[in-house]
């Protein structure tokens, strides 16, 4: 298992998951509810930045690896799922949104694994709608974590809700896109 700067950043994203959750269990004497929300949002934003940075550095430093290609999407899905579960627990996101996003991630991960076994993995490679879906999720979640009006006018809860609905729509769209691409193999006979 290789270890380099891009993989270290990916592991930091995984390590951020328990921190993100733990913030909300700190005593109120340590942080106000708004401060907890803000710290959680900062942790998530840090994780989102490492998502971009680890890929950029892997390509730039020529440190791409099979392990990195495996770990990066796993870390992305784990941090998003953890944040959604925290938000669901706090009634900041609807159950249907969390089910769509988490369900899609499980479905497409399984589809990609199956397609790779068939030698057709390139047919379900990351496409632009998948990148838009990820971007919408990574932008919406910090707003939902903050869940307050900031600067006296910016209603983070409302903006986050609109953005997560857009993310849910893009999530479904990307799932149907990948399923359509895999349909010829899905419809094939089992030997």
C-alpha atoms as a PDB file:
ATOM      1  CA  UNK A   1       0.000   0.000   0.000  1.00  0.00           C
ATOM      2  CA  UNK A   2       1.685   3.227  -1.131  1.00  0.00           C
ATOM      3  CA  UNK A   3       1.840   6.286   1.080  1.00  0.00           C
ATOM      4  CA  UNK A   4       2.399   9.747  -0.311  1.00  0.00           C
ATOM      5  CA  UNK A   5       1.035  13.272   0.125  1.00  0.00           C
ATOM      6  CA  UNK A   6      -2.172  12.750  -1.923  1.00  0.00           C
ATOM      7  CA  UNK A   7      -2.990   9.558  -0.015  1.00  0.00           C
ATOM      8  CA  UNK A   8      -2.217  11.304   3.289  1.00  0.00           C
ATOM      9  CA  UNK A   9      -4.750  14.009   2.357  1.00  0.00           C
ATOM     10  CA  UNK A  10      -7.322  11.337   1.563  1.00  0.00           C
ATOM     11  CA  UNK A  11      -6.691   9.689   4.948  1.00  0.00           C
ATOM     12  CA  UNK A  12      -7.164  13.115   6.570  1.00  0.00           C
ATOM     13  CA  UNK A  13     -10.602  13.225   4.948  1.00  0.00           C
ATOM     14  CA  UNK A  14     -11.435   9.856   6.502  1.00  0.00           C
ATOM     15  CA  UNK A  15     -10.080  11.046   9.874  1.00  0.00           C
ATOM     16  CA  UNK A  16     -12.308  14.133   9.656  1.00  0.00           C
ATOM     17  CA  UNK A  17     -15.452  11.971   9.835  1.00  0.00           C
ATOM     18  CA  UNK A  18     -15.392  11.244  13.586  1.00  0.00           C
ATOM     19  CA  UNK A  19     -14.385  14.856  14.253  1.00  0.00           C
ATOM     20  CA  UNK A  20     -17.371  16.115  12.272  1.00  0.00           C
ATOM     21  CA  UNK A  21     -19.725  13.913  14.295  1.00  0.00           C
ATOM     22  CA  UNK A  22     -18.024  14.513  17.661  1.00  0.00           C
ATOM     23  CA  UNK A  23     -18.368  18.296  17.421  1.00  0.00           C
ATOM     24  CA  UNK A  24     -22.105  17.997  18.041  1.00  0.00           C
ATOM     25  CA  UNK A  25     -21.542  15.966  21.217  1.00  0.00           C
ATOM     26  CA  UNK A  26     -19.217  18.479  22.873  1.00  0.00           C
ATOM     27  CA  UNK A  27     -20.596  20.138  26.006  1.00  0.00           C
ATOM     28  CA  UNK A  28     -22.442  23.386  25.420  1.00  0.00           C
ATOM     29  CA  UNK A  29     -20.047  24.980  27.909  1.00  0.00           C
ATOM     30  CA  UNK A  30     -17.257  24.460  25.353  1.00  0.00           C
ATOM     31  CA  UNK A  31     -19.066  25.724  22.251  1.00  0.00           C
ATOM     32  CA  UNK A  32     -22.406  27.394  21.616  1.00  0.00           C
ATOM     33  CA  UNK A  33     -24.721  25.601  19.173  1.00  0.00           C
ATOM     34  CA  UNK A  34     -23.757  28.138  16.467  1.00  0.00           C
ATOM     35  CA  UNK A  35     -20.043  27.531  17.123  1.00  0.00           C
ATOM     36  CA  UNK A  36     -20.579  23.765  16.865  1.00  0.00           C
ATOM     37  CA  UNK A  37     -22.346  24.277  13.540  1.00  0.00           C
ATOM     38  CA  UNK A  38     -19.539  26.516  12.299  1.00  0.00           C
ATOM     39  CA  UNK A  39     -16.764  24.139  13.401  1.00  0.00           C
ATOM     40  CA  UNK A  40     -18.556  21.204  11.723  1.00  0.00           C
ATOM     41  CA  UNK A  41     -18.930  23.242   8.522  1.00  0.00           C
ATOM     42  CA  UNK A  42     -15.229  24.172   8.593  1.00  0.00           C
ATOM     43  CA  UNK A  43     -14.255  20.512   9.063  1.00  0.00           C
ATOM     44  CA  UNK A  44     -16.466  19.542   6.126  1.00  0.00           C
ATOM     45  CA  UNK A  45     -15.103  22.360   3.930  1.00  0.00           C
ATOM     46  CA  UNK A  46     -11.553  21.255   4.787  1.00  0.00           C
ATOM     47  CA  UNK A  47     -12.492  17.707   3.742  1.00  0.00           C
ATOM     48  CA  UNK A  48     -14.036  18.979   0.493  1.00  0.00           C
ATOM     49  CA  UNK A  49     -10.879  20.941  -0.318  1.00  0.00           C
ATOM     50  CA  UNK A  50      -8.724  17.863   0.285  1.00  0.00           C
ATOM     51  CA  UNK A  51     -10.962  15.998  -2.175  1.00  0.00           C
ATOM     52  CA  UNK A  52      -9.871  18.364  -4.927  1.00  0.00           C
ATOM     53  CA  UNK A  53      -6.312  18.792  -3.655  1.00  0.00           C
ATOM     54  CA  UNK A  54      -5.399  15.118  -3.381  1.00  0.00           C
ATOM     55  CA  UNK A  55      -6.361  14.456  -6.998  1.00  0.00           C
ATOM     56  CA  UNK A  56      -4.576  17.580  -8.202  1.00  0.00           C
ATOM     57  CA  UNK A  57      -1.394  16.681  -6.315  1.00  0.00           C
ATOM     58  CA  UNK A  58      -1.494  13.039  -7.404  1.00  0.00           C
ATOM     59  CA  UNK A  59      -1.562  14.129 -11.043  1.00  0.00           C
ATOM     60  CA  UNK A  60       0.913  16.995 -10.608  1.00  0.00           C
ATOM     61  CA  UNK A  61       3.439  14.981  -8.571  1.00  0.00           C
ATOM     62  CA  UNK A  62       2.859  11.873 -10.688  1.00  0.00           C
ATOM     63  CA  UNK A  63       1.841   9.948  -7.583  1.00  0.00           C
ATOM     64  CA  UNK A  64      -1.358   8.391  -8.878  1.00  0.00           C
ATOM     65  CA  UNK A  65      -1.878   4.854  -7.635  1.00  0.00           C
ATOM     66  CA  UNK A  66      -4.464   2.104  -7.735  1.00  0.00           C
ATOM     67  CA  UNK A  67      -4.859   2.409  -3.967  1.00  0.00           C
ATOM     68  CA  UNK A  68      -5.422   6.169  -4.252  1.00  0.00           C
ATOM     69  CA  UNK A  69      -8.042   5.612  -6.962  1.00  0.00           C
ATOM     70  CA  UNK A  70      -9.784   3.199  -4.586  1.00  0.00           C
ATOM     71  CA  UNK A  71      -9.505   5.240  -1.378  1.00  0.00           C
ATOM     72  CA  UNK A  72     -10.454   8.664  -2.789  1.00  0.00           C
ATOM     73  CA  UNK A  73     -14.071   7.874  -3.754  1.00  0.00           C
ATOM     74  CA  UNK A  74     -14.531   5.808  -0.582  1.00  0.00           C
ATOM     75  CA  UNK A  75     -13.439   8.792   1.535  1.00  0.00           C
ATOM     76  CA  UNK A  76     -15.762  11.092  -0.437  1.00  0.00           C
ATOM     77  CA  UNK A  77     -18.766   8.835   0.036  1.00  0.00           C
ATOM     78  CA  UNK A  78     -18.053   8.283   3.735  1.00  0.00           C
ATOM     79  CA  UNK A  79     -17.744  11.994   4.603  1.00  0.00           C
ATOM     80  CA  UNK A  80     -20.912  12.860   2.644  1.00  0.00           C
ATOM     81  CA  UNK A  81     -22.861   9.965   4.195  1.00  0.00           C
ATOM     82  CA  UNK A  82     -21.670  10.891   7.708  1.00  0.00           C
ATOM     83  CA  UNK A  83     -22.633  14.536   7.204  1.00  0.00           C
ATOM     84  CA  UNK A  84     -26.045  13.549   5.825  1.00  0.00           C
ATOM     85  CA  UNK A  85     -26.702  11.260   8.787  1.00  0.00           C
ATOM     86  CA  UNK A  86     -25.751  14.041  11.217  1.00  0.00           C
ATOM     87  CA  UNK A  87     -28.011  16.468   9.333  1.00  0.00           C
ATOM     88  CA  UNK A  88     -30.817  13.907   9.264  1.00  0.00           C
ATOM     89  CA  UNK A  89     -30.479  13.401  13.014  1.00  0.00           C
ATOM     90  CA  UNK A  90     -30.807  17.163  13.516  1.00  0.00           C
ATOM     91  CA  UNK A  91     -33.814  17.450  11.140  1.00  0.00           C
ATOM     92  CA  UNK A  92     -31.902  19.627   8.701  1.00  0.00           C
ATOM     93  CA  UNK A  93     -32.303  17.348   5.707  1.00  0.00           C
ATOM     94  CA  UNK A  94     -35.259  15.265   4.599  1.00  0.00           C
ATOM     95  CA  UNK A  95     -35.112  11.459   4.768  1.00  0.00           C
ATOM     96  CA  UNK A  96     -35.845  11.157   1.042  1.00  0.00           C
ATOM     97  CA  UNK A  97     -32.827  13.333   0.197  1.00  0.00           C
ATOM     98  CA  UNK A  98     -30.480  11.252   2.362  1.00  0.00           C
ATOM     99  CA  UNK A  99     -31.898   8.017   0.911  1.00  0.00           C
ATOM    100  CA  UNK A 100     -31.457   9.225  -2.671  1.00  0.00           C
ATOM    101  CA  UNK A 101     -27.878  10.359  -2.138  1.00  0.00           C
ATOM    102  CA  UNK A 102     -26.661   7.434  -0.031  1.00  0.00           C
ATOM    103  CA  UNK A 103     -28.648   4.889  -2.054  1.00  0.00           C
ATOM    104  CA  UNK A 104     -27.206   6.169  -5.309  1.00  0.00           C
ATOM    105  CA  UNK A 105     -23.663   5.944  -3.968  1.00  0.00           C
ATOM    106  CA  UNK A 106     -24.163   2.307  -2.943  1.00  0.00           C
ATOM    107  CA  UNK A 107     -25.866   1.444  -6.242  1.00  0.00           C
ATOM    108  CA  UNK A 108     -23.256   3.066  -8.485  1.00  0.00           C
ATOM    109  CA  UNK A 109     -20.348   1.683  -6.457  1.00  0.00           C
ATOM    110  CA  UNK A 110     -21.770  -1.819  -6.870  1.00  0.00           C
ATOM    111  CA  UNK A 111     -22.453  -1.174 -10.561  1.00  0.00           C
ATOM    112  CA  UNK A 112     -18.875   0.003 -11.147  1.00  0.00           C
ATOM    113  CA  UNK A 113     -17.472  -3.043  -9.376  1.00  0.00           C
ATOM    114  CA  UNK A 114     -19.660  -5.368 -11.408  1.00  0.00           C
ATOM    115  CA  UNK A 115     -18.862  -3.594 -14.683  1.00  0.00           C
ATOM    116  CA  UNK A 116     -15.142  -3.795 -13.894  1.00  0.00           C
ATOM    117  CA  UNK A 117     -15.499  -7.560 -13.424  1.00  0.00           C
ATOM    118  CA  UNK A 118     -17.093  -7.728 -16.876  1.00  0.00           C
ATOM    119  CA  UNK A 119     -14.237  -5.679 -18.340  1.00  0.00           C
ATOM    120  CA  UNK A 120     -16.575  -2.793 -19.125  1.00  0.00           C
ATOM    121  CA  UNK A 121     -15.579  -0.422 -16.333  1.00  0.00           C
ATOM    122  CA  UNK A 122     -14.913   2.452 -18.736  1.00  0.00           C
ATOM    123  CA  UNK A 123     -18.598   2.568 -19.674  1.00  0.00           C
ATOM    124  CA  UNK A 124     -19.403   3.794 -16.144  1.00  0.00           C
ATOM    125  CA  UNK A 125     -16.359   6.022 -15.642  1.00  0.00           C
ATOM    126  CA  UNK A 126     -16.932   9.374 -13.953  1.00  0.00           C
ATOM    127  CA  UNK A 127     -18.895  11.716 -16.191  1.00  0.00           C
ATOM    128  CA  UNK A 128     -19.574  15.448 -15.924  1.00  0.00           C
ATOM    129  CA  UNK A 129     -23.021  14.971 -14.337  1.00  0.00           C
ATOM    130  CA  UNK A 130     -21.340  12.933 -11.581  1.00  0.00           C
ATOM    131  CA  UNK A 131     -18.907  15.776 -10.957  1.00  0.00           C
ATOM    132  CA  UNK A 132     -21.787  18.284 -10.846  1.00  0.00           C
ATOM    133  CA  UNK A 133     -23.585  16.037  -8.356  1.00  0.00           C
ATOM    134  CA  UNK A 134     -20.530  15.909  -6.113  1.00  0.00           C
ATOM    135  CA  UNK A 135     -20.019  19.674  -6.332  1.00  0.00           C
ATOM    136  CA  UNK A 136     -23.661  20.357  -5.430  1.00  0.00           C
ATOM    137  CA  UNK A 137     -23.412  18.048  -2.415  1.00  0.00           C
ATOM    138  CA  UNK A 138     -20.108  19.543  -1.240  1.00  0.00           C
ATOM    139  CA  UNK A 139     -21.530  23.079  -1.470  1.00  0.00           C
ATOM    140  CA  UNK A 140     -24.937  22.307   0.070  1.00  0.00           C
ATOM    141  CA  UNK A 141     -23.752  20.422   3.140  1.00  0.00           C
ATOM    142  CA  UNK A 142     -21.752  23.271   4.768  1.00  0.00           C
ATOM    143  CA  UNK A 143     -24.776  25.572   4.455  1.00  0.00           C
ATOM    144  CA  UNK A 144     -26.919  22.922   6.150  1.00  0.00           C
ATOM    145  CA  UNK A 145     -24.311  22.416   8.856  1.00  0.00           C
ATOM    146  CA  UNK A 146     -24.227  26.157   9.618  1.00  0.00           C
ATOM    147  CA  UNK A 147     -28.058  26.273   9.576  1.00  0.00           C
ATOM    148  CA  UNK A 148     -28.262  29.895  10.655  1.00  0.00           C
ATOM    149  CA  UNK A 149     -28.475  33.378   9.252  1.00  0.00           C
ATOM    150  CA  UNK A 150     -25.015  34.860   8.882  1.00  0.00           C
ATOM    151  CA  UNK A 151     -23.941  38.403   8.084  1.00  0.00           C
ATOM    152  CA  UNK A 152     -27.467  39.407   9.052  1.00  0.00           C
ATOM    153  CA  UNK A 153     -28.955  38.370   5.713  1.00  0.00           C
ATOM    154  CA  UNK A 154     -27.559  35.043   4.429  1.00  0.00           C
ATOM    155  CA  UNK A 155     -30.058  32.299   5.325  1.00  0.00           C
ATOM    156  CA  UNK A 156     -27.785  29.245   5.239  1.00  0.00           C
ATOM    157  CA  UNK A 157     -30.579  26.805   6.105  1.00  0.00           C
ATOM    158  CA  UNK A 158     -32.699  27.880   3.131  1.00  0.00           C
ATOM    159  CA  UNK A 159     -29.782  28.022   0.693  1.00  0.00           C
ATOM    160  CA  UNK A 160     -28.562  24.624   1.896  1.00  0.00           C
ATOM    161  CA  UNK A 161     -32.031  23.118   1.475  1.00  0.00           C
ATOM    162  CA  UNK A 162     -32.340  24.383  -2.105  1.00  0.00           C
ATOM    163  CA  UNK A 163     -28.839  23.198  -2.946  1.00  0.00           C
ATOM    164  CA  UNK A 164     -29.339  19.740  -1.428  1.00  0.00           C
ATOM    165  CA  UNK A 165     -32.563  19.350  -3.454  1.00  0.00           C
ATOM    166  CA  UNK A 166     -30.577  20.255  -6.571  1.00  0.00           C
ATOM    167  CA  UNK A 167     -27.924  17.748  -5.460  1.00  0.00           C
ATOM    168  CA  UNK A 168     -30.626  15.077  -5.023  1.00  0.00           C
ATOM    169  CA  UNK A 169     -31.914  15.765  -8.547  1.00  0.00           C
ATOM    170  CA  UNK A 170     -28.368  15.603  -9.991  1.00  0.00           C
ATOM    171  CA  UNK A 171     -27.778  12.442  -7.961  1.00  0.00           C
ATOM    172  CA  UNK A 172     -30.779  10.739  -9.563  1.00  0.00           C
ATOM    173  CA  UNK A 173     -29.834  12.061 -12.995  1.00  0.00           C
ATOM    174  CA  UNK A 174     -26.283  10.724 -12.670  1.00  0.00           C
ATOM    175  CA  UNK A 175     -27.553   7.356 -11.422  1.00  0.00           C
ATOM    176  CA  UNK A 176     -29.893   6.994 -14.397  1.00  0.00           C
ATOM    177  CA  UNK A 177     -27.087   8.107 -16.722  1.00  0.00           C
ATOM    178  CA  UNK A 178     -24.722   5.421 -15.401  1.00  0.00           C
ATOM    179  CA  UNK A 179     -27.462   2.780 -15.382  1.00  0.00           C
ATOM    180  CA  UNK A 180     -28.285   3.614 -19.010  1.00  0.00           C
ATOM    181  CA  UNK A 181     -24.609   3.314 -19.959  1.00  0.00           C
ATOM    182  CA  UNK A 182     -24.476  -0.102 -18.270  1.00  0.00           C
ATOM    183  CA  UNK A 183     -27.836  -1.295 -19.675  1.00  0.00           C
ATOM    184  CA  UNK A 184     -26.346  -3.380 -22.507  1.00  0.00           C
ATOM    185  CA  UNK A 185     -24.325  -5.393 -19.965  1.00  0.00           C
ATOM    186  CA  UNK A 186     -27.192  -5.435 -17.432  1.00  0.00           C
ATOM    187  CA  UNK A 187     -29.518  -6.889 -20.089  1.00  0.00           C
ATOM    188  CA  UNK A 188     -26.943  -9.485 -21.151  1.00  0.00           C
ATOM    189  CA  UNK A 189     -27.291 -13.166 -20.461  1.00  0.00           C
ATOM    190  CA  UNK A 190     -25.592 -14.838 -17.528  1.00  0.00           C
ATOM    191  CA  UNK A 191     -23.382 -17.728 -18.680  1.00  0.00           C
END
